[in-house]
């Protein structure tokens, strides 16, 4: 009987993977398993644990930033600002070997710095950048990979929704997370660009240069200002207000929404129908995230209550190599979870479990939080359930099969793993900017 009780935490994760494999939505899977194992362990007397954990997770003012940042991303997409941004960068970079793929990475980074919503980045680039690359005979897998890699930079580059949630549930400063994420995201984007440029140099057939009159576009000052300069100003205002301490992340999100509306008015893309559709779309997305957040809070509470934290802690302590062995165990644990779960669920399930274990080993909590985010970056691309894969598949033509997209992720996953290693070996990569701003 004792053995069965000790194995209940393992049973929770196994049951979760089974329900997800059957296609049950993440939020409902989390709630169903939480209620089921709560009744199994304590009967109806344990239900207040679920109620209090859900209320505690949602009753957090920082989370108000989530619907605002989502609204920003939807407004950017529907007002054609993203399309204009890529078009301008294409007109500037078309002469470069692999210039369109590099432009996709840069636009993804800019979108991440404006909205912080990965789905908007991947889908936006999939609709705008991918057709252009395929039109000019770019290598299909590398084109798909560039779209996914660029679109997922919003996971690191602030304002990142995942950082807001991580800070809310662990108490790590969101502004410090934003500062560290900014430097890490820019460095990772630079790594992608170097890789693409190197492929263009050593395998020029991978990225043929565009030919023909339409491949020699003119660049007007007005288009550069409207497509590039104004979004850059919006980024500076939103991030500057948060990183300087002049605004909280929630207040910064309000500034971002107002600024995005101003850009939409200036570009002529704002109308009543677009505004109504944007509000409705952002409301649906926010509802999904809140349900996942609540379900994950219930799951974590029950998991901890039946001894899950102690079980993971014991497993970590058995890892060879002392404190570094514990760290590697945590990183591998995150990587594996990211192969099967949505990133928000990974944060809500594992951050409360792993963070106390890692900080107890003497690692800095901010550095661990940022490393957590860097490892989480791989979760969007790792098969079988990397969400960027499915975001992109939803907007590609039928000729592009899921197998093509799986293969496209491999070189970029390799670069992300390399970046994780660099962040562990050289921790200052993640913390130099937060330390500078203190």
Protein backbone atom coordinates (compact mmCIF):
# COMPACT_ATOMS: atom_id res chain seq x y z
CA UNK A 1 0.00 0.00 0.00
CA UNK A 2 2.87 2.36 0.86
CA UNK A 3 4.45 1.70 -2.54
CA UNK A 4 1.18 2.56 -4.31
CA UNK A 5 0.92 5.87 -2.43
CA UNK A 6 4.53 6.74 -3.27
CA UNK A 7 3.89 6.08 -6.95
CA UNK A 8 0.82 8.33 -7.15
CA UNK A 9 2.91 11.35 -8.37
CA UNK A 10 4.30 9.23 -11.20
CA UNK A 11 0.77 8.09 -11.99
CA UNK A 12 -0.34 11.72 -12.34
CA UNK A 13 2.20 12.41 -15.09
CA UNK A 14 1.49 9.12 -16.85
CA UNK A 15 -2.24 9.86 -16.79
CA UNK A 16 -1.55 13.37 -18.15
CA UNK A 17 0.44 12.01 -21.12
CA UNK A 18 -2.30 9.46 -21.86
CA UNK A 19 -5.05 12.10 -21.90
CA UNK A 20 -2.98 14.42 -24.08
CA UNK A 21 -2.27 11.57 -26.49
CA UNK A 22 -6.02 10.96 -26.69
CA UNK A 23 -6.54 14.59 -27.69
CA UNK A 24 -8.10 15.87 -24.47
CA UNK A 25 -7.44 19.65 -24.11
CA UNK A 26 -4.57 20.47 -21.76
CA UNK A 27 -6.67 22.45 -19.26
CA UNK A 28 -9.32 19.76 -18.94
CA UNK A 29 -6.64 17.06 -18.67
CA UNK A 30 -4.99 18.92 -15.81
CA UNK A 31 -8.26 19.53 -13.96
CA UNK A 32 -9.55 15.99 -14.48
CA UNK A 33 -6.35 14.38 -13.21
CA UNK A 34 -6.13 16.80 -10.27
CA UNK A 35 -9.68 16.06 -9.13
CA UNK A 36 -9.33 12.32 -9.71
CA UNK A 37 -6.09 11.91 -7.75
CA UNK A 38 -7.30 14.30 -5.06
CA UNK A 39 -10.34 12.09 -4.46
CA UNK A 40 -8.16 9.00 -4.63
CA UNK A 41 -5.73 10.34 -2.01
CA UNK A 42 -7.99 12.20 0.41
CA UNK A 43 -11.60 11.83 -0.68
CA UNK A 44 -13.87 14.87 -0.79
CA UNK A 45 -12.04 16.41 2.18
CA UNK A 46 -9.14 17.25 -0.15
CA UNK A 47 -11.15 19.40 -2.58
CA UNK A 48 -10.41 22.68 -0.73
CA UNK A 49 -6.77 22.21 -1.79
CA UNK A 50 -7.78 22.50 -5.43
CA UNK A 51 -10.08 25.46 -4.82
CA UNK A 52 -7.52 27.44 -2.84
CA UNK A 53 -4.70 26.71 -5.30
CA UNK A 54 -6.78 27.83 -8.29
CA UNK A 55 -7.91 31.02 -6.55
CA UNK A 56 -4.37 31.79 -5.41
CA UNK A 57 -2.92 31.36 -8.90
CA UNK A 58 -5.49 33.60 -10.60
CA UNK A 59 -5.68 36.27 -7.88
CA UNK A 60 -2.48 37.95 -9.09
CA UNK A 61 -2.41 41.49 -10.50
CA UNK A 62 0.64 40.75 -12.67
CA UNK A 63 -1.47 38.40 -14.80
CA UNK A 64 -3.53 41.36 -16.03
CA UNK A 65 -0.67 41.96 -18.47
CA UNK A 66 -1.50 38.73 -20.33
CA UNK A 67 -4.72 39.79 -22.13
CA UNK A 68 -3.16 43.18 -22.91
CA UNK A 69 -0.04 41.72 -24.55
CA UNK A 70 -2.21 39.24 -26.46
CA UNK A 71 -4.39 42.10 -27.70
CA UNK A 72 -1.23 43.88 -28.86
CA UNK A 73 -0.15 40.89 -30.92
CA UNK A 74 -3.57 40.43 -32.54
CA UNK A 75 -3.80 44.14 -33.40
CA UNK A 76 -0.34 43.97 -34.99
CA UNK A 77 -1.37 41.03 -37.15
CA UNK A 78 -4.78 42.29 -38.23
CA UNK A 79 -3.64 45.86 -38.95
CA UNK A 80 -0.98 44.58 -41.42
CA UNK A 81 1.85 46.13 -39.38
CA UNK A 82 3.69 42.78 -39.37
CA UNK A 83 3.33 42.48 -43.14
CA UNK A 84 4.69 46.00 -43.65
CA UNK A 85 7.60 45.27 -41.29
CA UNK A 86 8.69 42.18 -43.21
CA UNK A 87 8.25 43.92 -46.55
CA UNK A 88 10.57 46.74 -45.51
CA UNK A 89 13.23 44.35 -44.22
CA UNK A 90 12.94 42.29 -47.41
CA UNK A 91 13.52 45.40 -49.51
CA UNK A 92 16.60 46.20 -47.46
CA UNK A 93 18.09 42.68 -47.33
CA UNK A 94 17.21 41.10 -50.68
CA UNK A 95 20.83 41.25 -51.96
CA UNK A 96 22.12 39.10 -49.09
CA UNK A 97 22.46 35.35 -49.63
CA UNK A 98 19.69 34.04 -47.40
CA UNK A 99 18.44 37.61 -46.87
CA UNK A 100 14.79 36.59 -46.70
CA UNK A 101 15.50 33.99 -44.01
CA UNK A 102 17.57 36.51 -42.07
CA UNK A 103 14.71 39.01 -42.41
CA UNK A 104 12.35 36.38 -40.96
CA UNK A 105 14.59 36.00 -37.89
CA UNK A 106 14.85 39.77 -37.42
CA UNK A 107 11.10 40.30 -37.84
CA UNK A 108 10.46 37.47 -35.37
CA UNK A 109 12.72 39.18 -32.85
CA UNK A 110 10.96 42.50 -33.38
CA UNK A 111 7.54 40.88 -33.02
CA UNK A 112 8.72 39.27 -29.81
CA UNK A 113 9.82 42.68 -28.54
CA UNK A 114 6.45 44.20 -29.40
CA UNK A 115 3.94 41.58 -28.29
CA UNK A 116 5.64 38.57 -26.68
CA UNK A 117 3.11 36.10 -28.15
CA UNK A 118 4.76 33.18 -29.97
CA UNK A 119 1.66 32.07 -31.87
CA UNK A 120 1.36 35.49 -33.51
CA UNK A 121 5.03 35.43 -34.53
CA UNK A 122 5.00 31.96 -36.09
CA UNK A 123 1.64 32.33 -37.82
CA UNK A 124 2.44 35.85 -39.03
CA UNK A 125 5.77 34.80 -40.53
CA UNK A 126 4.21 31.63 -41.92
CA UNK A 127 1.67 33.69 -43.84
CA UNK A 128 4.01 36.48 -44.94
CA UNK A 129 7.66 35.36 -45.02
CA UNK A 130 7.39 31.66 -45.95
CA UNK A 131 5.61 32.17 -49.32
CA UNK A 132 8.29 34.67 -50.34
CA UNK A 133 11.14 32.28 -49.48
CA UNK A 134 9.52 29.38 -51.30
CA UNK A 135 8.79 31.64 -54.27
CA UNK A 136 12.48 32.39 -54.67
CA UNK A 137 13.43 28.69 -54.36
CA UNK A 138 14.92 28.79 -50.87
CA UNK A 139 15.58 25.40 -49.27
CA UNK A 140 12.21 24.30 -47.91
CA UNK A 141 13.35 22.85 -44.58
CA UNK A 142 15.58 25.80 -43.73
CA UNK A 143 12.81 28.22 -44.69
CA UNK A 144 10.36 26.43 -42.41
CA UNK A 145 12.95 26.33 -39.65
CA UNK A 146 13.74 30.04 -39.97
CA UNK A 147 10.04 30.90 -39.64
CA UNK A 148 9.63 28.78 -36.51
CA UNK A 149 12.91 29.90 -34.93
CA UNK A 150 12.21 33.56 -35.59
CA UNK A 151 8.59 33.33 -34.51
CA UNK A 152 9.44 31.70 -31.17
CA UNK A 153 11.90 34.42 -30.10
CA UNK A 154 8.97 36.07 -28.32
CA UNK A 155 9.44 33.36 -25.66
CA UNK A 156 12.70 35.09 -24.63
CA UNK A 157 12.56 38.65 -25.88
CA UNK A 158 10.31 40.75 -23.62
CA UNK A 159 7.52 41.37 -23.09
CA UNK A 160 7.21 37.57 -22.80
CA UNK A 161 3.96 36.16 -21.44
CA UNK A 162 5.84 33.14 -20.09
CA UNK A 163 8.13 35.41 -18.08
CA UNK A 164 5.13 37.24 -16.64
CA UNK A 165 3.64 33.93 -15.49
CA UNK A 166 6.96 32.59 -14.17
CA UNK A 167 7.54 35.77 -12.17
CA UNK A 168 4.00 35.69 -10.82
CA UNK A 169 4.25 32.15 -9.44
CA UNK A 170 7.88 32.19 -8.20
CA UNK A 171 8.31 35.78 -7.02
CA UNK A 172 11.27 36.51 -9.32
CA UNK A 173 11.24 40.12 -10.56
CA UNK A 174 9.51 40.30 -13.94
CA UNK A 175 11.53 43.42 -14.86
CA UNK A 176 14.79 41.53 -14.18
CA UNK A 177 13.51 38.59 -16.23
CA UNK A 178 12.71 40.98 -19.06
CA UNK A 179 16.22 42.48 -18.91
CA UNK A 180 17.93 39.07 -18.99
CA UNK A 181 15.56 37.79 -21.65
CA UNK A 182 16.34 40.78 -23.88
CA UNK A 183 20.07 40.06 -23.96
CA UNK A 184 19.56 36.28 -24.27
CA UNK A 185 16.99 36.66 -27.05
CA UNK A 186 19.19 39.00 -29.08
CA UNK A 187 22.18 36.65 -28.74
CA UNK A 188 20.09 33.63 -29.78
CA UNK A 189 18.73 35.57 -32.78
CA UNK A 190 22.33 36.47 -33.69
CA UNK A 191 23.25 32.77 -33.51
CA UNK A 192 20.43 31.96 -35.94
CA UNK A 193 21.54 34.72 -38.31
CA UNK A 194 25.17 33.52 -38.23
CA UNK A 195 24.02 29.98 -39.01
CA UNK A 196 21.88 31.12 -41.96
CA UNK A 197 24.66 33.36 -43.30
CA UNK A 198 27.17 30.49 -43.01
CA UNK A 199 24.85 28.13 -44.88
CA UNK A 200 24.44 30.79 -47.59
CA UNK A 201 28.21 31.12 -47.94
CA UNK A 202 29.15 27.43 -47.93
CA UNK A 203 26.03 26.09 -49.66
CA UNK A 204 24.90 28.94 -51.94
CA UNK A 205 22.31 26.77 -53.73
CA UNK A 206 20.39 26.58 -50.44
CA UNK A 207 19.47 30.27 -50.73
CA UNK A 208 19.45 31.39 -54.38
CA UNK A 209 19.57 35.14 -54.90
CA UNK A 210 16.21 36.55 -56.10
CA UNK A 211 16.25 37.41 -59.79
CA UNK A 212 14.01 39.53 -61.99
CA UNK A 213 12.69 43.05 -61.76
CA UNK A 214 10.32 42.24 -58.89
CA UNK A 215 13.31 41.05 -56.86
CA UNK A 216 14.88 44.52 -57.00
CA UNK A 217 12.42 46.57 -54.96
CA UNK A 218 12.84 50.24 -54.24
CA UNK A 219 12.89 51.48 -50.66
CA UNK A 220 11.22 54.80 -49.90
CA UNK A 221 11.91 56.81 -46.77
CA UNK A 222 8.19 56.85 -45.96
CA UNK A 223 7.94 53.05 -46.04
CA UNK A 224 11.02 52.66 -43.84
CA UNK A 225 9.58 55.09 -41.28
CA UNK A 226 6.14 53.49 -41.32
CA UNK A 227 7.33 49.86 -41.41
CA UNK A 228 10.49 49.94 -39.31
CA UNK A 229 11.08 53.15 -37.37
CA UNK A 230 7.65 53.44 -35.76
CA UNK A 231 7.60 49.83 -34.50
CA UNK A 232 11.13 50.41 -33.14
CA UNK A 233 9.86 53.45 -31.23
CA UNK A 234 7.00 51.37 -29.82
CA UNK A 235 9.49 48.71 -28.63
CA UNK A 236 11.69 51.36 -27.01
CA UNK A 237 8.75 52.94 -25.20
CA UNK A 238 7.24 49.66 -23.92
CA UNK A 239 10.50 48.04 -22.85
CA UNK A 240 12.06 51.28 -21.67
CA UNK A 241 9.14 52.04 -19.38
CA UNK A 242 9.30 48.54 -17.82
CA UNK A 243 13.09 48.13 -17.54
CA UNK A 244 13.57 51.64 -16.15
CA UNK A 245 11.00 51.00 -13.44
CA UNK A 246 8.74 53.80 -14.67
CA UNK A 247 5.96 51.27 -15.33
CA UNK A 248 5.05 47.80 -14.11
CA UNK A 249 4.69 45.05 -16.74
CA UNK A 250 0.93 45.54 -16.62
CA UNK A 251 1.23 49.30 -17.12
CA UNK A 252 3.75 48.69 -19.88
CA UNK A 253 1.23 46.42 -21.58
CA UNK A 254 -1.33 49.23 -21.50
CA UNK A 255 1.22 51.56 -23.10
CA UNK A 256 1.86 48.91 -25.75
CA UNK A 257 -1.82 48.52 -26.62
CA UNK A 258 -2.28 52.29 -26.93
CA UNK A 259 0.89 52.55 -29.04
CA UNK A 260 -0.22 49.69 -31.30
CA UNK A 261 -3.59 51.37 -31.84
CA UNK A 262 -1.71 54.53 -32.79
CA UNK A 263 0.40 52.61 -35.31
CA UNK A 264 -2.74 51.00 -36.74
CA UNK A 265 -4.35 54.43 -37.18
CA UNK A 266 -1.21 55.80 -38.85
CA UNK A 267 -0.98 52.82 -41.22
CA UNK A 268 -4.68 53.04 -42.09
CA UNK A 269 -5.38 49.53 -40.81
CA UNK A 270 -7.72 50.41 -37.95
CA UNK A 271 -11.46 50.02 -38.37
CA UNK A 272 -14.36 48.93 -36.20
CA UNK A 273 -14.53 45.36 -37.55
CA UNK A 274 -10.79 44.82 -37.09
CA UNK A 275 -10.96 46.14 -33.54
CA UNK A 276 -13.95 43.93 -32.69
CA UNK A 277 -12.29 40.82 -34.17
CA UNK A 278 -9.06 41.58 -32.33
CA UNK A 279 -10.83 41.90 -28.98
CA UNK A 280 -12.76 38.69 -29.52
CA UNK A 281 -9.66 36.75 -30.63
CA UNK A 282 -7.59 37.99 -27.69
CA UNK A 283 -10.43 37.13 -25.29
CA UNK A 284 -10.54 33.54 -26.53
CA UNK A 285 -6.77 33.16 -26.27
CA UNK A 286 -6.72 34.69 -22.79
CA UNK A 287 -9.48 32.34 -21.66
CA UNK A 288 -7.47 29.34 -22.87
CA UNK A 289 -4.35 30.51 -21.01
CA UNK A 290 -6.25 31.18 -17.77
CA UNK A 291 -7.87 27.74 -17.87
CA UNK A 292 -4.43 26.15 -18.35
CA UNK A 293 -3.03 28.28 -15.54
CA UNK A 294 -5.83 27.24 -13.18
CA UNK A 295 -5.57 23.57 -14.15
CA UNK A 296 -1.81 23.57 -13.72
CA UNK A 297 -2.14 25.22 -10.30
CA UNK A 298 -4.54 22.46 -9.21
CA UNK A 299 -2.23 19.79 -10.65
CA UNK A 300 0.82 21.24 -8.87
CA UNK A 301 -1.01 21.48 -5.54
CA UNK A 302 -2.21 17.87 -5.64
CA UNK A 303 1.16 16.68 -6.95
CA UNK A 304 2.95 18.38 -4.05
CA UNK A 305 0.36 17.14 -1.54
CA UNK A 306 0.80 13.46 -2.43
CA UNK A 307 4.60 13.68 -2.20
CA UNK A 308 5.58 14.65 -5.72
CA UNK A 309 8.03 17.36 -4.64
CA UNK A 310 9.81 14.97 -2.31
CA UNK A 311 9.97 12.33 -5.06
CA UNK A 312 11.50 14.74 -7.60
CA UNK A 313 13.88 16.06 -4.95
CA UNK A 314 15.07 12.54 -4.13
CA UNK A 315 15.54 11.76 -7.83
CA UNK A 316 17.58 14.96 -8.24
CA UNK A 317 19.77 14.13 -5.26
CA UNK A 318 20.56 10.73 -6.77
CA UNK A 319 21.97 12.44 -9.88
CA UNK A 320 25.79 12.07 -9.99
CA UNK A 321 27.96 15.19 -10.01
CA UNK A 322 26.68 17.08 -6.98
CA UNK A 323 24.97 20.43 -7.57
CA UNK A 324 25.83 20.36 -11.28
CA UNK A 325 24.29 16.93 -11.58
CA UNK A 326 21.09 18.31 -10.02
CA UNK A 327 21.13 21.20 -12.51
CA UNK A 328 21.60 18.87 -15.47
CA UNK A 329 18.79 16.66 -14.15
CA UNK A 330 16.48 19.70 -14.00
CA UNK A 331 17.45 20.85 -17.51
CA UNK A 332 16.87 17.38 -19.00
CA UNK A 333 13.57 17.10 -17.08
CA UNK A 334 12.43 20.42 -18.59
CA UNK A 335 13.57 19.41 -22.06
CA UNK A 336 11.60 16.16 -21.93
CA UNK A 337 8.48 17.86 -20.55
CA UNK A 338 8.71 20.39 -23.38
CA UNK A 339 8.51 17.59 -25.93
CA UNK A 340 4.99 16.75 -24.75
CA UNK A 341 3.44 19.76 -23.00
CA UNK A 342 2.54 23.32 -23.94
CA UNK A 343 5.09 25.78 -22.56
CA UNK A 344 2.67 27.50 -20.18
CA UNK A 345 1.82 24.11 -18.69
CA UNK A 346 5.53 23.30 -18.36
CA UNK A 347 6.08 26.50 -16.38
CA UNK A 348 3.11 26.02 -14.12
CA UNK A 349 3.87 22.37 -13.48
CA UNK A 350 7.64 22.43 -13.08
CA UNK A 351 8.63 25.91 -11.86
CA UNK A 352 7.15 25.39 -8.36
CA UNK A 353 8.77 21.94 -8.23
CA UNK A 354 12.25 22.62 -9.62
CA UNK A 355 12.95 26.18 -8.44
CA UNK A 356 13.24 25.33 -4.70
CA UNK A 357 15.46 22.34 -5.53
CA UNK A 358 17.83 24.38 -7.72
CA UNK A 359 18.08 27.37 -5.39
CA UNK A 360 18.74 25.00 -2.48
CA UNK A 361 21.86 23.93 -4.37
CA UNK A 362 23.17 27.50 -4.21
CA UNK A 363 22.28 28.66 -7.72
CA UNK A 364 21.05 32.23 -8.16
CA UNK A 365 17.27 32.34 -8.54
CA UNK A 366 17.31 34.93 -11.35
CA UNK A 367 19.97 33.00 -13.31
CA UNK A 368 17.95 29.80 -12.92
CA UNK A 369 14.76 31.56 -14.01
CA UNK A 370 16.46 32.83 -17.16
CA UNK A 371 18.06 29.45 -17.88
CA UNK A 372 14.59 27.92 -17.41
CA UNK A 373 13.31 30.29 -20.12
CA UNK A 374 16.17 29.44 -22.48
CA UNK A 375 15.55 25.69 -22.07
CA UNK A 376 11.83 26.32 -22.55
CA UNK A 377 12.66 27.87 -25.92
CA UNK A 378 13.34 24.36 -27.24
CA UNK A 379 9.85 23.22 -26.19
CA UNK A 380 8.27 25.13 -29.07
CA UNK A 381 10.30 23.20 -31.65
CA UNK A 382 10.84 19.72 -30.20
CA UNK A 383 8.69 16.95 -31.73
CA UNK A 384 6.23 15.42 -31.25
CA UNK A 385 4.20 18.25 -29.67
CA UNK A 386 6.22 21.42 -30.27
CA UNK A 387 3.53 24.06 -30.60
CA UNK A 388 5.39 26.10 -33.22
CA UNK A 389 5.21 23.02 -35.44
CA UNK A 390 1.42 22.98 -35.29
CA UNK A 391 1.10 26.77 -35.52
CA UNK A 392 3.05 26.66 -38.78
CA UNK A 393 1.27 23.60 -40.15
CA UNK A 394 -2.06 25.37 -39.71
CA UNK A 395 -1.08 28.03 -42.28
CA UNK A 396 1.01 26.06 -44.81
CA UNK A 397 -0.11 24.45 -48.05
CA UNK A 398 -0.96 20.74 -48.17
CA UNK A 399 2.26 19.95 -50.04
CA UNK A 400 4.18 20.72 -46.85
CA UNK A 401 3.68 17.71 -44.61
CA UNK A 402 4.26 17.47 -40.88
CA UNK A 403 7.38 15.39 -41.55
CA UNK A 404 8.94 18.29 -43.47
CA UNK A 405 8.32 20.59 -40.51
CA UNK A 406 9.73 18.06 -38.03
CA UNK A 407 12.97 17.86 -40.03
CA UNK A 408 13.11 21.64 -40.30
CA UNK A 409 13.34 21.99 -36.53
CA UNK A 410 16.50 19.88 -36.11
CA UNK A 411 19.30 22.41 -36.89
CA UNK A 412 17.58 25.11 -34.85
CA UNK A 413 17.05 22.76 -31.89
CA UNK A 414 20.77 22.02 -32.13
CA UNK A 415 21.56 25.74 -31.90
CA UNK A 416 19.22 26.15 -28.95
CA UNK A 417 20.94 23.30 -27.09
CA UNK A 418 24.31 24.90 -27.88
CA UNK A 419 23.01 28.17 -26.44
CA UNK A 420 21.82 26.39 -23.26
CA UNK A 421 25.33 24.98 -22.80
CA UNK A 422 26.89 28.41 -23.33
CA UNK A 423 24.54 29.92 -20.73
CA UNK A 424 25.56 27.28 -18.18
CA UNK A 425 29.29 27.65 -18.88
CA UNK A 426 29.13 31.46 -19.04
CA UNK A 427 26.30 32.50 -16.66
CA UNK A 428 26.99 36.18 -17.29
CA UNK A 429 25.31 35.81 -20.69
CA UNK A 430 22.00 35.81 -18.83
CA UNK A 431 22.65 38.12 -15.90
CA UNK A 432 24.90 40.95 -17.15
CA UNK A 433 22.06 43.23 -18.23
CA UNK A 434 19.89 42.77 -15.08
CA UNK A 435 23.03 43.39 -12.99
CA UNK A 436 23.81 46.51 -15.02
CA UNK A 437 20.31 47.92 -14.53
CA UNK A 438 20.26 47.35 -10.76
